[in-house]
Amino acid sequence: MGREEPLFQFLLQLGDTTLILGHRVSEWCGHGPVLEEDIALANTALDLIGQTRLWLDLAGEVEGKGRDADALAYLRDAFEFRNLLIAERPNGNFGQTIMRQFLYDAWSVLMLEGLQASTDSRVSDIAGKAGKEVAYHLERSADLCVRLADGTEESHARMQTALNLLWPYTGEMFTSNGSEEELARNGTAPDPAELRDGWLESASRLETEGGLTLPDSGFAHLGGKSGRHSEHLGYILAEMQWLQRAYPGAEW
């Protein structure tokens, strides 16, 4: 493993996750339950794609093979993606989308806070910019989850179902592979395991304010860090990459 390889793989994980989640959230454009939420979801998707460009451009720089964010986003196959598996999960109903966003946002805020203290100034600079956006995303998704959970009987039931469905996909947020362990040792990135308590504290709002029950089944350790994906990623990439694949290198 080259000296820069751990950082490259970590940057791919960050950029791939925001790319896939941003694409998922963008699927709501024009389909939101009310105009305000339609616009808010579109803005969230734009923020995530903006973060993707920053992480993947840096990944390309670290790799040193001439690939930029566009090449990394559109010219890799599914087995090369390193996103967190939760980002691939289908939107489902509005409550399921917001629950997925909250579970991710609560982790992302903590990760970005840790990255702002990175010994790599390039990483800390990006984390500082992205952190402001994600802090707002968390405020919004947490508030919506609580309001929906504390709403009607049907609304409460849907949010509990969404939580039960998505909870098993959160485990890989707090597991480390060889690359992340090395980055934690040299101060480039936080140890993912150290984020778990803070994340659970945020998740407890669903219980204390929304009346939901946090699953006690534990975390499943799945997903993109090992290159393992669900069938959903293939469909996402088919939509996302078809133009570049059909007309390689085309310019407008």
Foldseek 3Di string as FASTA:
>chain_A
DDPLVLVLLVLLQQLLQLQLLLLQLLVCQVPDPDPVVNVVSPVSSVLSNVLNQLSQQVSCVSVVPPDHSCCSQFVDDLLPHQYQQLSLDHCPDVLLVLLSQLLVLLLLLVFLVLQLQAPDPSSNVSSVVSNVVSVVSNVVSLVVLQPQLQDDPVSVVVNLVSQVVRQQSSVQQQDDDPSLVVRCVNRNTNRSVVSVVSSVVSVCCCCPRRVHDHDPPDYHNDDRNNSDYDPSVNVSSCVVHVVCVVPPPDDD
